[in-house]
N, C-alpha and C. Protein backbone atom coordinates (compact mmCIF):
# COMPACT_ATOMS: atom_id res chain seq x y z
N MET A 1 162.81 42.74 107.51
CA MET A 1 161.94 42.58 108.60
C MET A 1 161.88 41.17 109.02
N SER A 2 161.77 40.88 110.47
CA SER A 2 161.86 39.32 110.86
C SER A 2 160.58 38.89 110.61
N GLY A 3 160.45 37.65 110.38
CA GLY A 3 159.00 36.86 110.53
C GLY A 3 158.07 37.17 111.47
N ALA A 4 158.60 37.24 112.85
CA ALA A 4 157.74 37.49 113.79
C ALA A 4 157.07 38.88 113.56
N ALA A 5 157.95 39.88 113.23
CA ALA A 5 157.33 41.41 112.97
C ALA A 5 156.23 41.52 112.01
N ALA A 6 156.46 40.58 110.90
CA ALA A 6 155.58 40.58 109.79
C ALA A 6 154.13 39.98 110.14
N CYS A 7 154.30 38.85 110.95
CA CYS A 7 153.03 38.42 111.36
C CYS A 7 152.34 39.27 112.19
N ALA A 8 152.93 39.95 113.29
CA ALA A 8 152.28 40.82 113.98
C ALA A 8 151.47 42.15 113.30
N ARG A 9 152.34 42.37 112.26
CA ARG A 9 151.86 43.67 111.45
C ARG A 9 150.22 43.06 110.54
N ASN A 10 150.46 41.76 110.11
CA ASN A 10 149.34 41.20 109.30
C ASN A 10 148.14 41.17 110.53
N ARG A 11 148.59 40.80 111.61
CA ARG A 11 147.40 40.64 112.52
C ARG A 11 146.76 42.01 112.92
N ARG A 12 147.65 42.99 112.84
CA ARG A 12 146.98 44.31 113.09
C ARG A 12 146.26 44.74 112.01
N ASN A 13 146.82 44.69 110.79
CA ASN A 13 145.81 44.94 109.67
C ASN A 13 144.57 44.28 109.50
N ASN A 14 144.51 43.04 109.94
CA ASN A 14 143.45 42.18 109.65
C ASN A 14 142.51 42.34 110.93
N ASP A 15 142.83 42.96 111.86
CA ASP A 15 141.96 42.99 112.92
C ASP A 15 140.75 43.84 112.55
N PRO A 16 139.53 43.35 112.73
CA PRO A 16 138.25 44.21 112.61
C PRO A 16 137.91 45.15 113.50
N GLU A 17 138.68 45.26 114.66
CA GLU A 17 138.58 46.28 115.73
C GLU A 17 139.43 47.24 115.87
N ARG A 18 140.33 47.35 114.90
CA ARG A 18 141.58 48.33 114.78
C ARG A 18 140.97 49.47 114.16
N VAL A 19 141.20 50.71 114.74
CA VAL A 19 140.79 51.82 114.57
C VAL A 19 141.65 52.39 113.24
N ALA A 20 140.91 52.91 112.18
CA ALA A 20 141.58 53.45 111.23
C ALA A 20 142.43 54.56 111.38
N PRO A 21 143.54 55.03 110.62
CA PRO A 21 144.12 56.17 110.67
C PRO A 21 143.29 57.42 110.91
N ASP A 22 142.44 57.45 109.99
CA ASP A 22 141.60 58.74 110.06
C ASP A 22 140.58 58.72 111.12
N GLY A 23 140.34 58.03 112.05
CA GLY A 23 139.51 58.02 113.15
C GLY A 23 138.34 57.11 112.91
N ARG A 24 137.96 56.79 111.71
CA ARG A 24 136.70 56.26 111.15
C ARG A 24 136.82 54.76 112.09
N PRO A 25 135.24 54.48 112.60
CA PRO A 25 135.17 52.99 113.14
C PRO A 25 135.64 51.89 112.10
N PRO A 26 135.83 50.73 112.79
CA PRO A 26 136.61 49.70 111.90
C PRO A 26 135.43 49.36 111.15
N ARG A 27 135.92 48.79 109.96
CA ARG A 27 134.97 48.14 109.10
C ARG A 27 134.42 46.69 109.55
N ARG A 28 133.21 46.42 109.27
CA ARG A 28 132.80 44.94 109.67
C ARG A 28 132.29 44.29 108.43
N LYS A 29 132.41 43.02 108.22
CA LYS A 29 131.98 42.34 107.15
C LYS A 29 130.47 42.35 107.06
N ALA A 30 130.05 42.51 105.87
CA ALA A 30 128.50 42.63 105.49
C ALA A 30 127.93 41.28 105.97
N LEU A 31 126.82 41.15 106.39
CA LEU A 31 126.24 39.96 106.80
C LEU A 31 124.97 39.66 106.13
N SER A 32 125.10 38.61 105.44
CA SER A 32 124.09 38.11 104.50
C SER A 32 122.60 38.34 105.19
N ARG A 33 121.42 38.46 104.73
CA ARG A 33 119.91 38.46 105.01
C ARG A 33 119.83 37.17 105.68
N TRP A 34 120.27 36.20 105.36
CA TRP A 34 119.93 35.07 106.05
C TRP A 34 120.47 34.81 107.53
N ALA A 35 122.03 35.33 107.51
CA ALA A 35 122.51 35.29 108.67
C ALA A 35 122.01 36.44 109.50
N VAL A 36 121.57 37.56 109.17
CA VAL A 36 120.75 38.52 109.89
C VAL A 36 119.42 37.96 110.42
N ARG A 37 118.89 37.36 109.63
CA ARG A 37 117.58 36.38 110.02
C ARG A 37 117.87 35.38 111.25
N ARG A 38 118.90 34.70 111.18
CA ARG A 38 119.19 33.65 112.03
C ARG A 38 119.49 34.43 113.36
N GLN A 39 120.15 35.61 113.37
CA GLN A 39 120.42 36.20 114.55
C GLN A 39 119.20 36.86 115.26
N ASP A 40 117.93 37.19 114.46
CA ASP A 40 116.98 37.78 115.01
C ASP A 40 116.49 36.91 116.33
N PRO A 41 116.46 37.41 117.61
CA PRO A 41 116.13 36.65 118.74
C PRO A 41 114.52 36.55 118.65
N ARG A 42 113.77 36.97 117.90
CA ARG A 42 112.10 36.76 117.94
C ARG A 42 111.88 35.11 117.47
N GLY A 43 112.77 34.40 116.87
CA GLY A 43 112.36 33.14 116.50
C GLY A 43 111.53 33.20 115.21
N PHE A 44 110.62 32.15 115.35
CA PHE A 44 109.70 31.90 113.95
C PHE A 44 108.62 32.96 113.93
N THR A 45 108.18 33.18 112.61
CA THR A 45 107.06 34.12 112.39
C THR A 45 105.86 33.33 112.74
N LEU A 46 104.80 34.09 112.73
CA LEU A 46 103.43 33.44 112.90
C LEU A 46 103.12 32.67 111.58
N ILE A 47 103.17 33.14 110.57
CA ILE A 47 102.94 32.64 109.18
C ILE A 47 103.76 31.12 109.18
N GLU A 48 104.91 31.12 109.57
CA GLU A 48 105.81 29.80 109.54
C GLU A 48 105.31 28.84 110.41
N LEU A 49 104.83 29.20 111.58
CA LEU A 49 104.27 28.37 112.87
C LEU A 49 102.78 27.98 112.22
N LEU A 50 102.19 28.69 111.44
CA LEU A 50 100.60 28.18 110.90
C LEU A 50 100.98 27.21 109.77
N LEU A 51 102.15 27.44 109.15
CA LEU A 51 102.29 26.53 107.87
C LEU A 51 102.58 25.05 108.41
N VAL A 52 103.44 25.00 109.31
CA VAL A 52 104.25 23.90 109.97
C VAL A 52 102.77 23.01 110.81
N SER A 53 102.06 23.96 111.27
CA SER A 53 100.90 23.16 112.08
C SER A 53 100.07 22.60 110.96
N ALA A 54 99.75 23.13 109.77
CA ALA A 54 98.84 22.86 108.67
C ALA A 54 99.34 21.77 108.24
N ILE A 55 100.89 21.51 107.95
CA ILE A 55 101.20 20.16 107.45
C ILE A 55 101.14 19.12 108.55
N PHE A 56 101.24 19.41 109.55
CA PHE A 56 100.92 18.31 110.78
C PHE A 56 99.72 17.69 110.76
N VAL A 57 98.68 18.80 110.71
CA VAL A 57 97.11 18.34 110.50
C VAL A 57 96.90 17.48 109.25
N ALA A 58 97.40 17.78 108.14
CA ALA A 58 97.21 16.97 107.00
C ALA A 58 97.90 15.55 107.06
N LEU A 59 99.18 15.51 107.62
CA LEU A 59 99.72 14.24 107.84
C LEU A 59 98.83 13.47 108.68
N ALA A 60 98.44 14.10 109.86
CA ALA A 60 97.65 13.25 110.85
C ALA A 60 96.28 12.67 110.27
N ALA A 61 95.64 13.55 109.33
CA ALA A 61 94.45 13.13 108.76
C ALA A 61 94.60 12.13 107.78
N ILE A 62 95.61 12.01 107.15
CA ILE A 62 96.29 10.90 106.20
C ILE A 62 96.63 9.82 107.03
N GLY A 63 97.47 10.00 107.92
CA GLY A 63 97.94 8.66 108.59
C GLY A 63 97.04 8.02 109.65
N THR A 64 96.14 8.76 110.37
CA THR A 64 95.40 8.17 111.45
C THR A 64 94.51 6.99 110.85
N PRO A 65 93.68 7.20 109.71
CA PRO A 65 93.10 5.84 109.37
C PRO A 65 93.85 4.69 109.21
N MET A 66 94.98 5.00 108.40
CA MET A 66 95.96 3.82 107.85
C MET A 66 96.27 3.13 109.08
N LEU A 67 96.93 4.04 110.35
CA LEU A 67 97.19 3.52 111.44
C LEU A 67 96.33 2.79 112.03
N GLY A 68 94.90 3.11 112.13
CA GLY A 68 93.85 2.38 112.83
C GLY A 68 93.51 0.88 111.99
N ARG A 69 93.77 0.94 110.79
CA ARG A 69 93.46 -0.16 110.07
C ARG A 69 94.83 -1.12 110.27
N ALA A 70 95.81 -0.67 110.24
CA ALA A 70 96.78 -1.56 110.82
C ALA A 70 96.62 -2.19 111.91
N ILE A 71 96.23 -1.53 113.09
CA ILE A 71 96.19 -1.92 114.38
C ILE A 71 95.10 -3.00 114.36
N ASP A 72 93.89 -2.71 113.46
CA ASP A 72 92.69 -3.74 113.50
C ASP A 72 93.32 -5.07 112.94
N ALA A 73 93.96 -4.83 111.76
CA ALA A 73 94.62 -6.02 111.24
C ALA A 73 95.57 -7.03 112.24
N TYR A 74 96.47 -6.33 112.75
CA TYR A 74 97.36 -6.92 114.06
C TYR A 74 96.48 -7.56 114.96
N ARG A 75 95.53 -6.94 115.50
CA ARG A 75 94.68 -7.63 116.53
C ARG A 75 93.99 -8.93 115.92
N LEU A 76 93.44 -8.59 114.78
CA LEU A 76 92.68 -9.87 114.13
C LEU A 76 93.78 -10.94 113.95
N GLY A 77 94.82 -10.67 113.33
CA GLY A 77 95.88 -11.90 112.89
C GLY A 77 96.32 -12.60 114.34
N MET A 78 96.40 -11.74 115.35
CA MET A 78 96.97 -12.20 116.68
C MET A 78 95.80 -13.02 117.40
N ALA A 79 94.55 -12.63 117.10
CA ALA A 79 93.44 -13.47 117.78
C ALA A 79 93.48 -14.83 116.76
N SER A 80 93.52 -14.69 115.66
CA SER A 80 93.44 -16.02 114.70
C SER A 80 94.57 -16.98 114.99
N ARG A 81 95.80 -16.53 115.21
CA ARG A 81 96.82 -17.39 115.78
C ARG A 81 96.73 -18.07 117.13
N ALA A 82 96.21 -17.11 117.95
CA ALA A 82 95.82 -18.01 119.20
C ALA A 82 94.64 -18.96 119.26
N VAL A 83 93.83 -18.83 118.49
CA VAL A 83 92.71 -19.65 118.35
C VAL A 83 93.30 -20.95 117.72
N GLU A 84 94.05 -20.84 116.64
CA GLU A 84 94.83 -21.77 115.88
C GLU A 84 95.47 -22.60 117.06
N ARG A 85 96.32 -22.08 117.84
CA ARG A 85 97.37 -22.58 118.57
C ARG A 85 96.58 -23.44 119.64
N GLU A 86 95.32 -22.96 120.09
CA GLU A 86 94.57 -23.75 121.06
C GLU A 86 94.08 -24.97 120.38
N LEU A 87 93.62 -24.86 119.31
CA LEU A 87 92.99 -26.09 118.61
C LEU A 87 94.47 -27.14 118.41
N GLN A 88 95.58 -26.42 118.09
CA GLN A 88 96.61 -27.73 117.83
C GLN A 88 96.79 -28.06 119.05
N THR A 89 96.78 -27.29 120.28
CA THR A 89 97.10 -27.95 121.74
C THR A 89 96.06 -28.73 122.13
N ALA A 90 94.65 -28.66 121.88
CA ALA A 90 93.82 -29.59 122.02
C ALA A 90 93.86 -31.14 121.32
N ARG A 91 94.23 -30.75 120.21
CA ARG A 91 94.53 -32.20 119.33
C ARG A 91 95.67 -32.88 119.98
N LEU A 92 96.71 -32.24 120.26
CA LEU A 92 97.86 -32.99 121.02
C LEU A 92 97.47 -33.43 122.23
N ALA A 93 96.75 -32.86 122.99
CA ALA A 93 96.48 -33.16 124.55
C ALA A 93 95.38 -34.63 124.10
N ALA A 94 94.76 -34.50 123.31
CA ALA A 94 93.85 -35.81 123.01
C ALA A 94 94.64 -37.03 122.50
N VAL A 95 95.70 -36.78 121.82
CA VAL A 95 96.56 -37.99 121.19
C VAL A 95 97.39 -38.46 122.50
N THR A 96 98.03 -37.50 123.20
CA THR A 96 99.10 -37.70 124.16
C THR A 96 98.47 -38.33 125.38
N ALA A 97 97.01 -37.87 125.75
CA ALA A 97 96.56 -38.25 127.04
C ALA A 97 95.49 -39.62 126.73
N ASN A 98 95.26 -39.70 125.57
CA ASN A 98 94.28 -40.89 125.17
C ASN A 98 92.88 -40.50 125.77
N ARG A 99 92.51 -39.21 125.50
CA ARG A 99 91.30 -38.69 126.02
C ARG A 99 90.73 -37.70 124.91
N MET A 100 89.51 -37.63 124.94
CA MET A 100 88.72 -36.66 124.14
C MET A 100 88.74 -35.10 124.59
N VAL A 101 89.36 -34.24 123.67
CA VAL A 101 89.26 -32.83 124.00
C VAL A 101 88.47 -31.82 123.42
N ARG A 102 87.92 -30.87 123.73
CA ARG A 102 87.14 -30.20 122.95
C ARG A 102 87.45 -28.64 123.30
N VAL A 103 87.14 -27.74 122.00
CA VAL A 103 87.44 -26.29 122.21
C VAL A 103 86.05 -25.62 122.09
N ARG A 104 85.61 -25.01 123.08
CA ARG A 104 84.21 -24.42 122.93
C ARG A 104 84.65 -22.95 122.83
N PHE A 105 83.72 -22.31 122.02
CA PHE A 105 83.61 -21.03 121.53
C PHE A 105 82.93 -20.16 122.17
N ASP A 106 82.98 -18.82 122.42
CA ASP A 106 81.86 -18.02 123.16
C ASP A 106 81.47 -18.51 124.23
N CYS A 107 82.57 -19.23 125.00
CA CYS A 107 81.89 -19.88 126.09
C CYS A 107 83.31 -19.82 127.35
N PRO A 108 82.87 -19.20 128.57
CA PRO A 108 81.70 -18.94 129.15
C PRO A 108 80.74 -17.64 128.67
N ALA A 109 81.65 -16.87 127.72
CA ALA A 109 80.99 -15.57 127.63
C ALA A 109 81.46 -15.18 125.93
N THR A 110 80.84 -14.14 125.54
CA THR A 110 81.22 -13.94 124.13
C THR A 110 82.78 -13.43 124.00
N GLY A 111 83.22 -14.01 122.95
CA GLY A 111 84.65 -13.65 122.78
C GLY A 111 85.65 -14.43 123.59
N GLU A 112 85.05 -15.37 124.40
CA GLU A 112 86.11 -16.39 124.97
C GLU A 112 86.01 -17.63 124.53
N PHE A 113 87.08 -18.53 124.83
CA PHE A 113 87.15 -19.78 124.48
C PHE A 113 87.90 -20.70 125.34
N ARG A 114 87.60 -22.08 125.21
CA ARG A 114 88.47 -22.69 126.46
C ARG A 114 88.46 -24.23 125.93
N ARG A 115 89.62 -24.61 126.27
CA ARG A 115 90.11 -26.15 125.99
C ARG A 115 89.65 -27.17 127.16
N VAL A 116 88.71 -28.18 126.77
CA VAL A 116 87.99 -28.52 127.87
C VAL A 116 88.30 -30.41 127.52
N GLU A 117 88.64 -31.10 128.59
CA GLU A 117 88.26 -32.63 128.42
C GLU A 117 87.12 -33.10 128.45
N VAL A 118 86.93 -34.16 127.58
CA VAL A 118 85.49 -34.58 127.72
C VAL A 118 85.30 -35.43 129.04
N LEU A 119 84.28 -35.46 129.79
CA LEU A 119 84.22 -36.13 131.00
C LEU A 119 83.43 -37.49 130.57
N GLY A 120 82.53 -37.61 129.60
CA GLY A 120 81.96 -38.64 129.23
C GLY A 120 82.61 -39.64 128.03
N ALA A 121 82.09 -40.56 127.70
CA ALA A 121 82.64 -41.21 126.51
C ALA A 121 81.67 -41.48 125.14
N PRO A 122 82.52 -41.43 124.11
CA PRO A 122 81.72 -41.60 122.75
C PRO A 122 80.32 -42.31 122.89
N GLY A 123 79.20 -41.68 122.51
CA GLY A 123 78.04 -42.45 122.63
C GLY A 123 77.53 -42.49 124.16
N VAL A 124 78.19 -41.85 125.06
CA VAL A 124 77.75 -42.13 126.52
C VAL A 124 77.74 -40.72 126.94
N PRO A 125 76.99 -39.48 126.55
CA PRO A 125 77.45 -38.32 126.98
C PRO A 125 77.21 -38.15 128.56
N ASP A 126 77.92 -37.07 129.14
CA ASP A 126 77.82 -36.64 130.47
C ASP A 126 77.32 -35.41 130.63
N ALA A 127 76.24 -35.34 131.75
CA ALA A 127 75.71 -34.03 131.68
C ALA A 127 76.74 -32.89 132.10
N LEU A 128 77.68 -33.42 132.80
CA LEU A 128 78.73 -32.36 133.32
C LEU A 128 79.69 -31.59 132.19
N ASP A 129 79.27 -32.32 130.76
CA ASP A 129 80.02 -31.82 129.96
C ASP A 129 79.10 -30.61 129.18
N ALA A 130 78.14 -30.15 129.76
CA ALA A 130 77.38 -29.08 129.40
C ALA A 130 78.07 -27.73 129.25
N PRO A 131 77.96 -26.90 128.20
CA PRO A 131 78.95 -25.74 128.08
C PRO A 131 78.95 -25.04 129.36
N VAL A 132 77.85 -24.57 130.03
CA VAL A 132 77.85 -23.65 130.92
C VAL A 132 78.86 -24.16 132.09
N ALA A 133 78.64 -25.43 132.39
CA ALA A 133 79.37 -25.84 133.60
C ALA A 133 80.82 -26.11 133.21
N ARG A 134 81.14 -26.62 132.13
CA ARG A 134 82.53 -27.01 131.59
C ARG A 134 83.53 -25.70 131.39
N CYS A 135 82.82 -24.67 131.13
CA CYS A 135 83.65 -23.62 130.72
C CYS A 135 83.85 -22.72 131.84
N SER A 136 83.50 -22.81 133.21
CA SER A 136 83.56 -22.08 134.38
C SER A 136 84.81 -22.63 134.86
N GLU A 137 85.74 -21.67 135.15
CA GLU A 137 86.94 -21.71 135.98
C GLU A 137 86.65 -21.81 137.34
N ALA A 138 85.49 -21.44 137.82
CA ALA A 138 85.26 -21.55 139.28
C ALA A 138 84.67 -22.90 139.61
N THR A 139 84.21 -23.73 138.64
CA THR A 139 83.61 -25.09 138.76
C THR A 139 84.95 -26.10 138.45
N TYR A 140 85.64 -25.68 137.22
CA TYR A 140 86.71 -26.61 137.09
C TYR A 140 87.95 -25.60 136.78
N PRO A 141 88.73 -25.51 137.69
CA PRO A 141 89.78 -24.37 137.67
C PRO A 141 91.06 -24.91 136.79
N TYR A 142 91.79 -23.64 136.59
CA TYR A 142 92.99 -24.26 135.74
C TYR A 142 94.02 -23.61 136.67
N PRO A 143 95.29 -24.44 136.84
CA PRO A 143 95.54 -25.75 136.60
C PRO A 143 94.42 -26.66 137.57
N PRO A 144 94.21 -27.94 137.08
CA PRO A 144 93.51 -28.79 137.93
C PRO A 144 94.16 -29.12 139.12
N PRO A 145 93.69 -29.42 140.28
CA PRO A 145 94.12 -29.48 141.53
C PRO A 145 95.13 -30.89 141.72
N ASP A 146 94.82 -31.79 140.67
CA ASP A 146 95.57 -33.16 140.58
C ASP A 146 95.56 -33.63 139.29
N ASN A 147 96.36 -34.48 139.02
CA ASN A 147 96.29 -35.42 137.57
C ASN A 147 95.76 -36.88 137.87
N ASN A 148 95.12 -37.07 138.84
CA ASN A 148 94.50 -38.39 139.22
C ASN A 148 93.40 -38.77 138.12
N PRO A 149 93.70 -39.80 137.32
CA PRO A 149 92.73 -40.14 136.23
C PRO A 149 91.36 -40.51 136.81
N LEU A 150 91.33 -40.78 138.13
CA LEU A 150 89.99 -41.03 138.64
C LEU A 150 88.99 -39.99 138.89
N THR A 151 89.93 -38.65 138.88
CA THR A 151 89.07 -37.52 139.36
C THR A 151 89.11 -36.45 138.20
N ARG A 152 88.96 -36.83 137.03
CA ARG A 152 89.11 -35.88 135.97
C ARG A 152 87.96 -34.63 136.19
N PRO A 153 88.36 -33.29 135.32
CA PRO A 153 89.30 -33.28 134.14
C PRO A 153 90.65 -33.16 134.54
N ASN A 154 91.72 -33.56 133.79
CA ASN A 154 93.11 -33.20 134.09
C ASN A 154 93.54 -32.59 132.86
N HIS A 155 92.87 -32.19 131.79
CA HIS A 155 93.40 -31.75 130.51
C HIS A 155 92.58 -30.51 130.23
N ASP A 156 92.12 -29.71 131.00
CA ASP A 156 91.61 -28.56 130.82
C ASP A 156 92.71 -27.33 130.47
N GLY A 157 92.26 -26.26 129.62
CA GLY A 157 93.06 -25.22 129.66
C GLY A 157 92.53 -23.92 130.07
N PRO A 158 93.27 -23.03 130.30
CA PRO A 158 92.59 -21.61 130.83
C PRO A 158 91.51 -20.88 129.86
N ILE A 159 90.89 -20.14 130.35
CA ILE A 159 89.85 -19.46 129.43
C ILE A 159 90.70 -18.41 128.80
N ARG A 160 90.45 -18.39 127.21
CA ARG A 160 91.16 -17.48 126.59
C ARG A 160 90.21 -16.43 125.99
N ARG A 161 90.81 -15.21 125.73
CA ARG A 161 89.88 -14.05 125.41
C ARG A 161 90.43 -13.34 124.05
N LEU A 162 89.55 -13.01 123.30
CA LEU A 162 89.92 -12.34 122.08
C LEU A 162 90.01 -10.94 122.32
N PRO A 163 91.05 -10.18 121.69
CA PRO A 163 91.43 -8.89 121.77
C PRO A 163 89.92 -8.25 121.66
N ILE A 164 89.97 -6.95 122.03
CA ILE A 164 88.90 -5.97 122.15
C ILE A 164 88.47 -5.65 120.55
N GLY A 165 87.13 -6.07 120.41
CA GLY A 165 86.58 -5.75 118.96
C GLY A 165 86.67 -6.85 118.05
N VAL A 166 87.48 -8.00 118.34
CA VAL A 166 87.34 -9.09 117.53
C VAL A 166 86.23 -10.01 118.14
N SER A 167 85.58 -10.76 117.16
CA SER A 167 84.63 -11.59 117.59
C SER A 167 84.42 -12.93 116.62
N PHE A 168 83.87 -13.81 117.21
CA PHE A 168 83.54 -14.91 116.38
C PHE A 168 82.44 -14.93 115.53
N ASN A 169 82.69 -15.12 114.23
CA ASN A 169 81.45 -15.00 113.35
C ASN A 169 80.63 -16.46 113.12
N ALA A 170 81.52 -17.42 112.90
CA ALA A 170 81.28 -18.66 112.73
C ALA A 170 82.09 -19.50 113.50
N ALA A 171 81.49 -20.16 114.30
CA ALA A 171 82.44 -21.32 115.27
C ALA A 171 81.68 -22.29 116.03
N GLN A 172 82.06 -23.43 115.55
CA GLN A 172 81.35 -24.71 116.18
C GLN A 172 82.18 -25.11 117.22
N THR A 173 81.66 -25.96 118.33
CA THR A 173 82.80 -26.60 118.95
C THR A 173 83.25 -28.00 118.43
N ILE A 174 84.51 -27.97 118.75
CA ILE A 174 85.26 -28.76 118.00
C ILE A 174 85.85 -29.90 118.93
N GLU A 175 85.64 -31.13 118.79
CA GLU A 175 86.14 -32.36 119.49
C GLU A 175 87.18 -33.06 118.63
N PHE A 176 88.40 -33.32 119.68
CA PHE A 176 89.52 -34.13 118.99
C PHE A 176 89.71 -35.37 119.72
N TRP A 177 89.60 -36.63 118.97
CA TRP A 177 89.85 -37.84 119.42
C TRP A 177 91.15 -38.28 119.78
N PRO A 178 91.35 -39.25 120.42
CA PRO A 178 92.83 -39.86 120.71
C PRO A 178 93.45 -40.28 119.36
N ASP A 179 92.67 -40.57 118.60
CA ASP A 179 93.51 -40.93 116.97
C ASP A 179 93.66 -39.66 116.30
N GLY A 180 93.48 -38.32 116.79
CA GLY A 180 93.70 -36.95 116.07
C GLY A 180 92.52 -36.75 115.36
N THR A 181 91.67 -37.48 115.01
CA THR A 181 90.45 -36.95 114.18
C THR A 181 89.67 -35.79 114.76
N ALA A 182 89.07 -34.92 114.05
CA ALA A 182 88.26 -33.70 114.70
C ALA A 182 86.66 -34.27 114.32
N HIS A 183 86.02 -33.87 115.39
CA HIS A 183 84.43 -34.24 115.25
C HIS A 183 83.64 -32.69 115.68
N VAL A 184 82.41 -32.87 115.37
CA VAL A 184 81.65 -31.55 115.46
C VAL A 184 80.23 -32.01 116.15
N ASP A 185 79.57 -31.27 116.80
CA ASP A 185 78.53 -31.57 117.43
C ASP A 185 77.33 -31.60 116.56
N GLY A 186 76.76 -32.89 116.24
CA GLY A 186 75.72 -33.07 115.18
C GLY A 186 74.27 -32.53 115.55
N GLY A 187 74.03 -32.16 117.03
CA GLY A 187 72.80 -31.50 117.35
C GLY A 187 72.07 -32.78 117.74
N VAL A 188 72.45 -34.01 118.04
CA VAL A 188 72.02 -35.01 118.56
C VAL A 188 72.57 -35.78 119.66
N THR A 189 71.91 -36.24 120.39
CA THR A 189 72.65 -37.05 121.71
C THR A 189 73.42 -38.43 121.27
N GLY A 190 74.45 -38.54 121.72
CA GLY A 190 75.36 -39.55 121.28
C GLY A 190 76.73 -39.12 120.78
N THR A 191 77.36 -40.12 119.73
CA THR A 191 78.61 -39.66 119.27
C THR A 191 78.53 -38.63 118.31
N TRP A 192 79.68 -37.67 118.63
CA TRP A 192 79.87 -36.65 117.63
C TRP A 192 80.33 -37.17 116.07
N PRO A 193 79.69 -36.64 114.89
CA PRO A 193 80.02 -37.16 113.64
C PRO A 193 81.40 -36.45 113.58
N ALA A 194 82.33 -37.24 112.63
CA ALA A 194 83.55 -36.40 112.10
C ALA A 194 83.40 -35.28 111.35
N VAL A 195 84.42 -34.29 111.09
CA VAL A 195 84.19 -33.19 110.42
C VAL A 195 84.21 -33.61 108.84
N GLN A 196 83.26 -33.15 107.97
CA GLN A 196 83.24 -33.64 106.61
C GLN A 196 84.36 -33.43 106.01
N ALA A 197 84.55 -34.03 104.71
CA ALA A 197 85.72 -34.13 103.86
C ALA A 197 86.21 -32.66 103.51
N GLY A 198 85.35 -31.72 103.23
CA GLY A 198 85.44 -30.39 102.78
C GLY A 198 85.88 -29.36 104.02
N GLY A 199 85.86 -30.13 105.38
CA GLY A 199 86.51 -29.41 106.36
C GLY A 199 85.53 -28.40 107.05
N LEU A 200 85.89 -28.02 108.22
CA LEU A 200 85.03 -27.03 108.78
C LEU A 200 85.83 -25.61 109.10
N MET A 201 85.10 -24.41 108.94
CA MET A 201 85.70 -23.07 108.72
C MET A 201 85.30 -22.46 109.99
N LEU A 202 86.34 -21.79 110.83
CA LEU A 202 85.93 -20.96 111.93
C LEU A 202 86.48 -19.66 111.49
N THR A 203 85.49 -18.73 111.51
CA THR A 203 85.70 -17.24 111.28
C THR A 203 85.79 -16.40 112.26
N LEU A 204 86.95 -15.29 112.44
CA LEU A 204 86.76 -14.29 113.23
C LEU A 204 86.96 -13.17 112.31
N SER A 205 86.28 -11.99 112.91
CA SER A 205 86.30 -10.78 112.33
C SER A 205 86.47 -9.49 113.33
N LYS A 206 86.91 -8.35 112.63
CA LYS A 206 86.97 -7.28 113.43
C LYS A 206 86.93 -6.10 112.18
N ALA A 207 85.97 -4.90 112.49
CA ALA A 207 85.84 -3.69 111.68
C ALA A 207 85.84 -4.23 110.24
N GLY A 208 84.91 -5.24 110.05
CA GLY A 208 84.49 -5.60 108.65
C GLY A 208 85.56 -6.59 107.99
N VAL A 209 86.80 -6.94 108.55
CA VAL A 209 87.87 -7.70 107.99
C VAL A 209 87.66 -9.23 108.62
N THR A 210 87.96 -10.06 108.09
CA THR A 210 87.65 -11.41 108.52
C THR A 210 88.93 -12.31 108.34
N ARG A 211 89.16 -13.39 109.24
CA ARG A 211 90.26 -14.29 109.14
C ARG A 211 89.67 -15.77 109.49
N SER A 212 90.27 -16.53 108.75
CA SER A 212 89.36 -17.90 108.64
C SER A 212 90.43 -18.98 109.36
N ILE A 213 90.01 -20.24 109.97
CA ILE A 213 90.82 -21.29 110.42
C ILE A 213 90.20 -22.43 109.88
N ALA A 214 90.64 -23.36 109.10
CA ALA A 214 90.19 -24.58 108.55
C ALA A 214 90.50 -25.64 109.33
N VAL A 215 89.80 -26.68 109.63
CA VAL A 215 89.92 -27.91 110.52
C VAL A 215 89.33 -29.10 109.61
N ASN A 216 90.12 -29.95 109.21
CA ASN A 216 89.47 -31.31 108.40
C ASN A 216 89.25 -32.15 109.42
N GLY A 217 88.63 -33.49 108.70
CA GLY A 217 88.27 -34.53 109.35
C GLY A 217 89.47 -35.22 110.13
N LEU A 218 90.77 -35.31 109.61
CA LEU A 218 91.60 -35.56 110.08
C LEU A 218 92.59 -34.90 111.32
N GLY A 219 91.66 -33.76 111.60
CA GLY A 219 92.32 -32.75 112.80
C GLY A 219 93.36 -31.79 112.34
N ARG A 220 93.49 -31.87 111.18
CA ARG A 220 94.67 -30.96 110.70
C ARG A 220 94.01 -29.41 110.79
N VAL A 221 94.98 -28.39 111.46
CA VAL A 221 94.32 -26.87 111.68
C VAL A 221 95.16 -26.32 110.72
N HIS A 222 94.29 -25.48 109.83
CA HIS A 222 95.28 -24.44 109.08
C HIS A 222 94.60 -22.99 109.03
N LEU A 223 95.71 -22.17 109.38
CA LEU A 223 95.37 -20.68 109.41
C LEU A 223 95.26 -20.30 107.89
N ILE A 224 94.05 -19.54 107.45
CA ILE A 224 94.03 -19.35 105.96
C ILE A 224 94.50 -17.80 106.04
N ARG A 225 95.75 -17.47 105.33
CA ARG A 225 95.98 -15.97 105.16
C ARG A 225 95.62 -15.44 104.13
């Protein structure tokens, strides 16, 4: 028998659709229970759907509080870094422009802060440096209309806002001098005293978690992690 004839005969013998000599229907391979199950057009059972739903609910109950705490920590960290950068920028502006620059907090509204150039001189306060007036962008816009030293301020910054839910727990207005040193409002008219050797702490909080920023008398700003 030739090779081609043998191959044709094997194909006929292995053909599941081929009718047996006695007229019986062709034999089909038995399918496993799993194969039959997968061919079932009805899909998943109600019990399976309920089980998967219960797993999702349990995972959500566990993960939602953790996700909320992570978001709170992220926003608090972002706010702390923004305040730190504003303090660093104010110190740099004071040194480079040879002008006193302040950073006011909760000004003009709660949760807002702004870098402002001091209009007066050490020991010679100016009524225009009052918080309500100096924090107003309507009165003192950003950017300033010009850089003429005769028409100050020229070194104010924009109003910054803390993220929702973040607030200042403890924050004093800080004044940087042209020599880079940091000073705070002593509560009396005249020159502001330098920050004490132990430094000054600014504290922000959200959902019971706090972050602090330290400023020492030399004007060094440090974010406490």
